[in-house]
Structures are given as structure tokens and as C-alpha cells.
């Protein structure tokens, strides 16, 4: 049959996408000798959604792996390594359920089958990491998930549908017999009642049902903090080409990562406009690497702003990263820590109407702002006023550095003359 490298399953909630993907992984591992990585956005999801989960019939997901297929040390050994969430097959295949919270974990092992569950919640870079691996070894990727509003998945799905080497399946409740029409009427009514009880609108409730059960991508990301603000920016044509103006200095606004990503927004200010011309993110590198990245862009820089933790002294050197940066030629201005996270979120909402985003250079940052969302309390069936820490957090935290800057520093009444020198890290000694 036709050779696909990617299988995309966008199915409605409770549509059986993980059960289908899991059985496909088991069958593939039984027929081939390979390393299989079955990844979730977080470790908790890997445990709760699959490794320790059961189906509607009460059968554990791990029970779908026949005992005869498992490598066992003795008769009473079930062949499951619960600490690693891994099972080895007698033919040499290794199947592991894991977290891809850090996308780099997909590297190593030369896996020939990857499964990405709840793809809408993964860091978008995970596909960039996996694709060259399976391209080189002839492997395949299975992704499954549910529609998640105006997110990065929406745009990737449009591209995948036009790729002859990608298989795409989109199933709503109208395509399956999981829920009857009568049940869907009840589900919609109960959802509306819950949303109204929480002070949300009937429109939001209907958008949620359409997203979860009818695979609609029209609503903002569920629980998104800035969904409305970013939608208005699009409607007002403030997400477009925003070229660098050589008459204006570029300020940078940072979120400092150690194990996590380091994120930088590049901004020019003119009158009441906040022109967001560029965004950069990476991880696992020191400050000299990022300063070199700044220099590569050829911008004329003004001020550099960082959050409060830039002044924390490191145990290894006894110096703060602010002091290290000064030795390298950059004097960061410290933005005070807000008393509560809500203050940073409110500050971002305040400045968004003034922002113009370059749609190409800021693409990842824009997607992050659209995706940044509240924590869903499954037990209470409501959103908590606490953001989820995921791939979108880094860009949003860096943007809060911009938003929390002294308002007087976010207005520039006239262009400045182009300075004679730019950062030019490459000439430093």
C-alpha cells in the first residue's frame, strides 16, 4: 500500500484515539524489532492517561500487550517496568511511555515509531526533532489529539491535509457511535449550565462543545488567557509584516531559562505603538551564545530588560547572571517581580492593544501567546486561575517582562538617529 510517514488522528473527546494508537504501536512492535517512544506532553499524563489507565470496559491499557509477547524473567513477572513505564518484547522491541515536556527527549535510541498523544498540547518543535529521525531510518509517526482552537495545530493540520505522504483522519461525534444525538443534547446543556455558573458565557460553552466533540478550530484555545486579545490583533491587522526600522533602537525583553528555554522578544517603540519585530528561543546555552544571536540580527539596540532572577547569584561562580552579562558588555535593567502571577497576565492584556507583531519572525511567540492557558481541574470540571507550565510559558514570561516594564519606558515620541555602533559581540575580547 501507500507509504505514509505520518498518521494524524484528530478525533473528538472519548473517541478512542489513544486506544487505537496504542494497539497500532503494539502491533508494529510485534512485527518489527525496534524502539518505540509513546510520548505525552507531561509525565503525569503519560501515567494517568495510559500506563495506569483503563478503558470504558475496565481493561487496563497494558493488558492489550499479550503476555506471550512480553519479555519476562519468571512466570509471575508481568514484564512491565512501572518506574520507566516500559515493556520489552521477546523479539527485542522496546516500547516506552514517556513525557516529551522537553522535546529533546525524542532524540536518542534511533526510534522507528513515535506516537505523540494529545498533539495539541505538545511543543510544536517536537515534529522538527522527530521528522529527520524517521526520514533517515524509514520510521513512522502517529499523532493524535483533539481540536484546540486557534492554535499551532490548526495551521499544521491544514498543511498535513495537502501532503500526499501524510494520512489525516478527522472524526467528530457525527462520524462515530460513541455518543447518541440525545446524549449530545444533554452534554451541551450541562456544559452551558456549568459555564454560566462559573460566570462564563453561553457562547463560550458552545465553542467548548464544538471544539471537544465536533473538532472545531474556530474558538480560541480553551482557557486561553489572551485568546480574545490575539484574535483582535488579527482582526485589526496587527499581526502582519512589521519591518525593522533603522531609525529606531531595538529593546530586548527576556525570560531566563537554565534547564528550560531562554526566550527573547525584540521590540521597537514609536509613539504609542509597540512594534514586536522578532522573537528568539533556545535552550541549553550560555549568555555568550544568546548575545551572539543578538549580534547576528544586525539591529541597533537600546535597552535590555530581564526579570528579577537575573540578580540571583549562582553557587558555582558566586556571580549573578546580570554581573556576567555586564562583563560581556550588556547592562540589563531588572524588571521587578510581580506580587502575583495575575499582575503579569493583567499587564500583558493592557499592552496587547498597542502591539504589532511580525507574523513571520514572531511566529512561535505568537502561537505561544495564543496557547497560554489556565489549568483545567478535572475533578471539579472547571478552570483554575493558574497557568499551565508548558512550551508556551517561556515566550509568555518573556512577554510579561515587556508588559511589566515601567510604562514611561514603553513610549518613544520620536525616532532616534542611528548610532554609529551596534552590539557586535563577535569583535569582543
Protein backbone atom coordinates (compact mmCIF):
# COMPACT_ATOMS: atom_id res chain seq x y z
CA UNK A 1 0.00 0.00 0.00
CA UNK A 2 0.88 3.66 0.03
CA UNK A 3 3.78 4.65 2.28
CA UNK A 4 2.92 7.33 4.81
CA UNK A 5 5.48 8.72 7.24
CA UNK A 6 2.88 10.47 9.40
CA UNK A 7 -0.57 9.41 10.60
CA UNK A 8 -2.71 12.19 12.10
CA UNK A 9 -5.78 11.31 14.17
CA UNK A 10 -7.81 14.36 15.23
CA UNK A 11 -10.78 12.74 16.91
CA UNK A 12 -13.45 14.00 19.25
CA UNK A 13 -13.13 13.63 23.01
CA UNK A 14 -13.55 9.99 24.13
CA UNK A 15 -13.28 8.90 20.51
CA UNK A 16 -10.69 6.20 21.25
CA UNK A 17 -7.65 7.85 19.70
CA UNK A 18 -5.19 6.61 22.36
CA UNK A 19 -6.59 3.09 22.35
CA UNK A 20 -6.21 2.99 18.56
CA UNK A 21 -2.68 4.46 18.67
CA UNK A 22 -1.64 2.11 21.49
CA UNK A 23 -2.79 -1.01 19.67
CA UNK A 24 -1.10 0.19 16.48
CA UNK A 25 2.16 0.61 18.41
CA UNK A 26 1.88 -2.89 19.93
CA UNK A 27 1.17 -4.48 16.56
CA UNK A 28 4.01 -2.60 14.88
CA UNK A 29 6.42 -3.61 17.65
CA UNK A 30 5.38 -7.26 17.38
CA UNK A 31 6.06 -7.31 13.64
CA UNK A 32 9.36 -5.38 13.77
CA UNK A 33 12.36 -5.15 16.06
CA UNK A 34 12.52 -1.50 17.04
CA UNK A 35 12.45 1.15 19.74
CA UNK A 36 9.04 2.78 20.19
CA UNK A 37 8.52 6.03 22.08
CA UNK A 38 4.94 6.82 23.04
CA UNK A 39 5.04 10.43 24.22
CA UNK A 40 2.71 12.71 26.17
CA UNK A 41 3.11 16.43 26.92
CA UNK A 42 3.82 15.70 30.63
CA UNK A 43 4.86 12.78 32.81
CA UNK A 44 1.59 12.89 34.74
CA UNK A 45 -0.37 12.48 31.51
CA UNK A 46 1.84 9.56 30.45
CA UNK A 47 0.98 7.82 33.71
CA UNK A 48 -2.68 8.80 34.13
CA UNK A 49 -3.84 8.75 30.50
CA UNK A 50 -2.25 5.45 29.51
CA UNK A 51 0.16 3.50 31.70
CA UNK A 52 -2.23 3.33 34.67
CA UNK A 53 -5.42 3.98 32.71
CA UNK A 54 -8.28 1.64 31.88
CA UNK A 55 -10.80 1.56 29.04
CA UNK A 56 -14.55 2.01 29.39
CA UNK A 57 -14.75 -1.78 29.73
CA UNK A 58 -12.38 -1.77 32.71
CA UNK A 59 -9.46 -3.30 30.81
CA UNK A 60 -6.04 -1.80 31.57
CA UNK A 61 -4.17 -0.38 28.59
CA UNK A 62 -1.18 -2.55 29.45
CA UNK A 63 -3.42 -5.64 29.25
CA UNK A 64 -3.56 -5.15 25.49
CA UNK A 65 0.05 -6.36 25.34
CA UNK A 66 -0.22 -10.18 25.27
CA UNK A 67 1.76 -11.98 27.97
CA UNK A 68 3.27 -14.19 25.27
CA UNK A 69 4.77 -11.08 23.66
CA UNK A 70 6.38 -9.69 26.82
CA UNK A 71 9.93 -10.43 27.92
CA UNK A 72 9.58 -11.92 31.43
CA UNK A 73 12.19 -13.11 33.93
CA UNK A 74 9.90 -15.68 35.56
CA UNK A 75 6.31 -16.88 35.45
CA UNK A 76 4.99 -14.36 37.98
CA UNK A 77 6.77 -11.45 36.31
CA UNK A 78 4.28 -9.35 34.30
CA UNK A 79 7.07 -7.92 32.15
CA UNK A 80 6.16 -4.31 32.95
CA UNK A 81 8.75 -1.84 34.21
CA UNK A 82 6.50 0.59 36.06
CA UNK A 83 9.25 3.00 37.08
CA UNK A 84 10.30 3.56 33.46
CA UNK A 85 6.83 2.84 32.02
CA UNK A 86 8.49 0.42 29.61
CA UNK A 87 7.90 -3.10 28.33
CA UNK A 88 10.36 -5.17 26.31
CA UNK A 89 9.07 -7.68 23.77
CA UNK A 90 10.57 -11.14 23.31
CA UNK A 91 11.57 -10.19 19.75
CA UNK A 92 13.78 -7.33 21.01
CA UNK A 93 11.35 -4.43 20.62
CA UNK A 94 11.28 -1.83 23.41
CA UNK A 95 8.06 0.15 23.97
CA UNK A 96 8.22 3.07 26.38
CA UNK A 97 5.55 5.53 27.51
CA UNK A 98 7.17 8.84 28.41
CA UNK A 99 6.99 12.63 28.66
CA UNK A 100 8.13 14.90 25.85
CA UNK A 101 7.80 18.02 28.02
CA UNK A 102 11.38 18.65 26.90
CA UNK A 103 11.26 17.89 23.15
CA UNK A 104 14.92 16.88 23.14
CA UNK A 105 13.97 13.63 24.88
CA UNK A 106 12.76 12.39 21.50
CA UNK A 107 16.39 12.20 20.38
CA UNK A 108 18.49 9.12 21.01
CA UNK A 109 17.70 5.46 20.55
CA UNK A 110 17.02 5.82 16.81
CA UNK A 111 13.32 5.08 17.35
CA UNK A 112 11.44 3.91 14.26
CA UNK A 113 7.99 4.58 15.68
CA UNK A 114 6.92 7.66 17.61
CA UNK A 115 3.45 8.26 18.98
CA UNK A 116 2.57 11.79 20.12
CA UNK A 117 -0.59 11.77 22.19
CA UNK A 118 -2.56 15.00 22.73
CA UNK A 119 -0.52 16.65 20.00
CA UNK A 120 -2.26 20.00 20.53
CA UNK A 121 -0.51 20.30 23.91
CA UNK A 122 2.99 19.40 22.73
CA UNK A 123 5.75 21.87 21.99
CA UNK A 124 5.47 22.45 18.21
CA UNK A 125 9.23 21.82 17.86
CA UNK A 126 8.71 18.12 18.59
CA UNK A 127 7.83 17.48 14.93
CA UNK A 128 11.01 19.27 13.80
CA UNK A 129 13.07 16.95 16.00
CA UNK A 130 11.34 13.70 15.04
CA UNK A 131 10.93 14.15 11.28
CA UNK A 132 14.64 13.84 10.34
CA UNK A 133 14.97 10.73 12.54
CA UNK A 134 12.21 8.79 10.78
CA UNK A 135 13.23 10.20 7.40
CA UNK A 136 16.68 8.67 7.89
CA UNK A 137 15.60 5.29 9.31
CA UNK A 138 12.35 4.80 7.39
CA UNK A 139 10.21 5.03 10.52
CA UNK A 140 6.75 6.47 11.06
CA UNK A 141 4.99 8.89 13.40
CA UNK A 142 1.46 8.67 14.78
CA UNK A 143 -0.02 11.82 16.30
CA UNK A 144 -3.40 12.03 17.95
CA UNK A 145 -5.30 14.81 19.62
CA UNK A 146 -8.38 16.96 19.84
CA UNK A 147 -9.04 20.35 18.28
CA UNK A 148 -7.71 23.14 20.47
CA UNK A 149 -8.99 26.37 19.00
CA UNK A 150 -6.84 28.80 17.07
CA UNK A 151 -3.60 27.02 17.95
CA UNK A 152 -0.50 25.89 16.07
CA UNK A 153 -2.21 22.55 15.41
CA UNK A 154 -4.86 24.27 13.30
CA UNK A 155 -2.27 25.55 10.84
CA UNK A 156 -0.24 22.33 10.81
CA UNK A 157 -3.39 20.31 10.08
CA UNK A 158 -4.10 22.46 7.01
CA UNK A 159 -0.59 21.69 5.75
CA UNK A 160 -0.81 17.97 6.54
CA UNK A 161 -4.08 17.62 4.63
CA UNK A 162 -2.29 18.75 1.47
CA UNK A 163 0.69 16.40 1.92
CA UNK A 164 0.29 13.13 -0.05
CA UNK A 165 2.68 11.40 2.37
CA UNK A 166 0.54 12.17 5.41
CA UNK A 167 -2.63 10.30 6.38
CA UNK A 168 -5.20 12.53 8.12
CA UNK A 169 -8.34 11.35 9.92
CA UNK A 170 -10.74 13.87 11.50
CA UNK A 171 -13.69 12.28 13.32
CA UNK A 172 -16.49 14.17 15.09
CA UNK A 173 -19.31 12.67 17.14
CA UNK A 174 -21.35 12.65 13.93
CA UNK A 175 -18.85 10.15 12.49
CA UNK A 176 -18.85 7.68 15.39
CA UNK A 177 -21.41 5.99 17.61
CA UNK A 178 -19.70 6.90 20.88
CA UNK A 179 -22.41 9.41 21.80
CA UNK A 180 -26.00 9.44 20.58
CA UNK A 181 -27.63 12.70 19.41
CA UNK A 182 -29.72 12.64 22.59
CA UNK A 183 -26.59 12.38 24.74
CA UNK A 184 -25.01 15.30 22.89
CA UNK A 185 -28.05 17.47 23.62
CA UNK A 186 -27.62 16.68 27.33
CA UNK A 187 -23.85 17.24 27.22
CA UNK A 188 -24.28 20.63 25.57
CA UNK A 189 -26.97 21.73 28.04
CA UNK A 190 -24.95 20.63 31.07
CA UNK A 191 -21.86 22.36 29.71
CA UNK A 192 -23.80 25.60 29.28
CA UNK A 193 -25.08 25.34 32.85
CA UNK A 194 -21.57 24.82 34.23
CA UNK A 195 -20.12 27.69 32.22
CA UNK A 196 -22.88 30.07 33.32
CA UNK A 197 -22.38 29.02 36.96
CA UNK A 198 -18.70 30.00 36.64
CA UNK A 199 -19.54 33.40 35.19
CA UNK A 200 -18.72 32.43 31.60
CA UNK A 201 -20.99 32.93 28.62
CA UNK A 202 -23.22 30.54 26.71
CA UNK A 203 -21.16 31.39 23.61
CA UNK A 204 -18.01 30.13 25.35
CA UNK A 205 -19.82 26.94 26.39
CA UNK A 206 -20.98 26.23 22.85
CA UNK A 207 -17.48 26.92 21.50
CA UNK A 208 -16.08 24.42 24.01
CA UNK A 209 -18.55 21.70 22.96
CA UNK A 210 -17.90 22.37 19.27
CA UNK A 211 -14.18 22.07 19.89
CA UNK A 212 -14.20 18.94 22.04
CA UNK A 213 -16.88 16.95 20.21
CA UNK A 214 -17.04 18.43 16.69
CA UNK A 215 -13.32 19.13 16.09
CA UNK A 216 -13.87 22.87 15.59
CA UNK A 217 -10.77 25.07 15.49
CA UNK A 218 -12.71 28.34 15.37
CA UNK A 219 -12.71 29.19 19.08
CA UNK A 220 -9.67 30.48 20.97
CA UNK A 221 -7.62 27.85 22.82
CA UNK A 222 -9.68 26.55 25.75
CA UNK A 223 -8.91 28.55 28.87
CA UNK A 224 -6.53 30.83 26.95
CA UNK A 225 -5.61 34.00 28.79
CA UNK A 226 -5.00 36.08 25.68
CA UNK A 227 -7.21 34.37 23.08
CA UNK A 228 -9.51 37.36 22.72
CA UNK A 229 -6.68 39.88 22.61
CA UNK A 230 -4.76 37.96 19.97
CA UNK A 231 -7.92 37.45 17.91
CA UNK A 232 -8.49 41.23 17.97
CA UNK A 233 -4.89 41.78 16.89
CA UNK A 234 -5.54 39.58 13.85
CA UNK A 235 -8.86 41.25 13.04
CA UNK A 236 -7.23 44.69 13.26
CA UNK A 237 -4.34 43.61 11.02
CA UNK A 238 -1.77 43.98 13.79
CA UNK A 239 -0.23 40.58 13.00
CA UNK A 240 1.46 41.23 9.68
CA UNK A 241 4.84 42.22 8.23
CA UNK A 242 6.46 44.59 10.74
CA UNK A 243 9.85 45.53 9.29
CA UNK A 244 12.83 46.69 11.31
CA UNK A 245 13.10 50.49 11.26
CA UNK A 246 16.80 51.50 11.33
CA UNK A 247 15.86 54.88 12.84
CA UNK A 248 14.54 53.23 16.00
CA UNK A 249 16.53 51.34 18.59
CA UNK A 250 15.56 47.77 19.44
CA UNK A 251 14.88 46.86 23.05
CA UNK A 252 15.00 43.23 24.16
CA UNK A 253 12.86 41.55 26.81
CA UNK A 254 13.98 38.23 28.27
CA UNK A 255 12.86 35.19 30.19
CA UNK A 256 15.90 33.47 31.67
CA UNK A 257 15.98 29.70 31.47
CA UNK A 258 18.50 27.26 32.85
CA UNK A 259 17.13 23.81 32.05
CA UNK A 260 14.13 25.41 30.35
CA UNK A 261 14.18 27.64 27.30
CA UNK A 262 15.65 31.14 27.14
CA UNK A 263 13.25 33.48 25.35
CA UNK A 264 13.78 36.95 23.87
CA UNK A 265 11.37 39.44 22.31
CA UNK A 266 12.76 42.22 20.08
CA UNK A 267 10.72 45.42 20.23
CA UNK A 268 10.79 48.90 18.71
CA UNK A 269 8.75 51.71 20.26
CA UNK A 270 7.28 54.64 18.40
CA UNK A 271 4.66 57.00 19.83
CA UNK A 272 2.04 54.67 21.34
CA UNK A 273 2.98 51.70 19.14
CA UNK A 274 4.77 48.62 20.44
CA UNK A 275 6.31 47.06 17.34
CA UNK A 276 7.25 43.45 18.09
CA UNK A 277 9.64 42.72 15.22
CA UNK A 278 11.32 39.46 16.23
CA UNK A 279 11.36 36.56 18.68
CA UNK A 280 14.04 34.00 19.56
CA UNK A 281 14.06 30.95 21.82
CA UNK A 282 16.60 28.24 22.57
CA UNK A 283 17.81 26.11 25.47
CA UNK A 284 20.97 24.61 26.92
CA UNK A 285 23.21 27.56 26.00
CA UNK A 286 25.03 30.23 27.99
CA UNK A 287 24.70 34.00 27.77
CA UNK A 288 27.52 34.44 25.20
CA UNK A 289 25.55 32.28 22.76
CA UNK A 290 22.47 34.50 23.05
CA UNK A 291 24.46 37.71 22.80
CA UNK A 292 25.96 36.38 19.57
CA UNK A 293 22.41 35.73 18.34
CA UNK A 294 21.55 39.35 19.06
CA UNK A 295 24.57 40.49 17.09
CA UNK A 296 23.69 38.31 14.08
CA UNK A 297 20.47 40.22 13.60
CA UNK A 298 22.26 43.49 12.92
CA UNK A 299 19.83 45.58 14.95
CA UNK A 300 20.78 48.79 16.72
CA UNK A 301 19.98 48.09 20.35
CA UNK A 302 18.63 50.30 23.09
CA UNK A 303 17.85 48.72 26.46
CA UNK A 304 17.87 45.09 27.55
CA UNK A 305 15.34 44.02 30.19
CA UNK A 306 15.35 40.86 32.28
CA UNK A 307 13.22 39.51 35.15
CA UNK A 308 14.25 39.72 38.79
CA UNK A 309 16.04 36.36 38.86
CA UNK A 310 18.88 37.74 36.76
CA UNK A 311 20.25 39.12 40.05
CA UNK A 312 20.32 35.74 41.80
CA UNK A 313 23.89 34.65 42.46
CA UNK A 314 24.95 31.25 41.17
CA UNK A 315 26.56 28.89 43.67
CA UNK A 316 29.25 27.78 41.21
CA UNK A 317 30.66 31.23 40.43
CA UNK A 318 29.29 33.46 43.18
CA UNK A 319 28.21 35.87 40.44
CA UNK A 320 24.77 36.76 39.19
CA UNK A 321 23.94 36.48 35.51
CA UNK A 322 23.50 40.24 35.49
CA UNK A 323 27.14 40.62 36.54
CA UNK A 324 28.20 38.03 33.96
CA UNK A 325 26.30 39.95 31.28
CA UNK A 326 27.99 43.21 32.29
CA UNK A 327 31.40 41.59 31.81
CA UNK A 328 30.26 40.61 28.31
CA UNK A 329 29.19 44.16 27.55
CA UNK A 330 25.44 44.22 28.23
CA UNK A 331 23.91 46.05 31.18
CA UNK A 332 20.50 44.54 31.86
CA UNK A 333 17.74 46.53 33.51
CA UNK A 334 15.92 44.44 36.09
CA UNK A 335 12.13 44.27 35.98
CA UNK A 336 10.69 43.74 39.49
CA UNK A 337 8.86 40.52 40.24
CA UNK A 338 5.07 40.96 40.38
CA UNK A 339 3.37 40.15 43.67
CA UNK A 340 1.07 37.69 41.91
CA UNK A 341 1.02 35.97 38.53
CA UNK A 342 -2.28 37.68 37.82
CA UNK A 343 -0.48 41.04 37.76
CA UNK A 344 1.75 39.90 34.90
CA UNK A 345 -1.23 38.49 33.00
CA UNK A 346 -3.17 41.72 33.50
CA UNK A 347 -0.18 43.77 32.34
CA UNK A 348 0.03 41.75 29.11
CA UNK A 349 -3.68 42.29 28.47
CA UNK A 350 -3.16 46.02 28.99
CA UNK A 351 -0.43 46.40 26.35
CA UNK A 352 -1.76 43.94 23.73
CA UNK A 353 -3.98 46.55 22.01
CA UNK A 354 -0.82 48.59 21.31
CA UNK A 355 1.19 45.70 19.88
CA UNK A 356 2.01 45.00 16.24
CA UNK A 357 3.59 41.57 15.64
CA UNK A 358 5.71 40.49 12.70
CA UNK A 359 3.84 37.40 11.56
CA UNK A 360 6.95 35.57 10.31
CA UNK A 361 9.75 36.36 12.75
CA UNK A 362 7.42 36.20 15.75
CA UNK A 363 5.51 33.12 14.60
CA UNK A 364 6.46 30.87 17.52
CA UNK A 365 5.95 33.64 20.06
CA UNK A 366 2.53 34.48 18.62
CA UNK A 367 1.46 30.84 18.82
CA UNK A 368 2.68 30.73 22.43
CA UNK A 369 0.64 33.78 23.43
CA UNK A 370 -2.43 32.23 21.80
CA UNK A 371 -1.84 28.91 23.58
CA UNK A 372 -1.01 30.12 27.11
CA UNK A 373 -3.92 28.81 29.15
CA UNK A 374 -5.36 28.07 32.56
CA UNK A 375 -5.09 24.76 34.38
CA UNK A 376 -8.12 22.51 33.97
CA UNK A 377 -9.32 20.86 37.19
CA UNK A 378 -10.64 17.51 36.00
CA UNK A 379 -12.22 16.65 39.35
CA UNK A 380 -14.05 19.97 39.75
CA UNK A 381 -14.67 20.31 35.98
CA UNK A 382 -13.50 23.92 35.90
CA UNK A 383 -10.50 26.09 35.07
CA UNK A 384 -8.28 27.21 37.93
CA UNK A 385 -6.75 30.67 37.81
CA UNK A 386 -3.29 29.16 37.48
CA UNK A 387 -1.45 28.88 34.16
CA UNK A 388 -0.26 25.55 32.80
CA UNK A 389 3.53 25.36 32.60
CA UNK A 390 4.20 24.08 29.10
CA UNK A 391 6.03 25.08 25.92
CA UNK A 392 4.07 28.35 25.72
CA UNK A 393 5.21 29.55 29.16
CA UNK A 394 8.68 30.74 28.15
CA UNK A 395 7.57 33.17 25.45
CA UNK A 396 4.74 34.44 27.64
CA UNK A 397 7.02 35.01 30.63
CA UNK A 398 9.40 36.98 28.40
CA UNK A 399 6.45 39.00 27.12
CA UNK A 400 5.46 39.74 30.72
CA UNK A 401 8.94 41.25 31.15
CA UNK A 402 7.91 43.70 28.43
CA UNK A 403 4.47 44.27 29.94
CA UNK A 404 5.80 44.87 33.47
CA UNK A 405 8.35 47.44 32.35
CA UNK A 406 7.78 50.97 33.64
CA UNK A 407 5.01 52.36 31.36
CA UNK A 408 7.08 55.51 30.79
CA UNK A 409 9.71 53.30 29.13
CA UNK A 410 7.14 51.97 26.65
CA UNK A 411 6.62 55.26 24.84
CA UNK A 412 9.03 56.82 22.37
CA UNK A 413 7.85 60.13 20.96
CA UNK A 414 10.32 60.44 18.10
CA UNK A 415 12.77 58.29 16.15
CA UNK A 416 16.37 58.31 17.31
CA UNK A 417 19.30 58.71 14.98
CA UNK A 418 21.09 55.54 14.03
CA UNK A 419 24.04 55.05 16.40
CA UNK A 420 27.49 54.54 14.97
CA UNK A 421 27.96 51.14 16.61
CA UNK A 422 25.78 48.12 17.15
CA UNK A 423 26.24 45.29 19.64
CA UNK A 424 28.95 43.49 17.64
CA UNK A 425 29.62 40.66 20.08
CA UNK A 426 31.89 39.00 17.54
CA UNK A 427 34.62 41.64 17.97
CA UNK A 428 34.75 41.44 21.77
CA UNK A 429 37.75 40.01 23.55
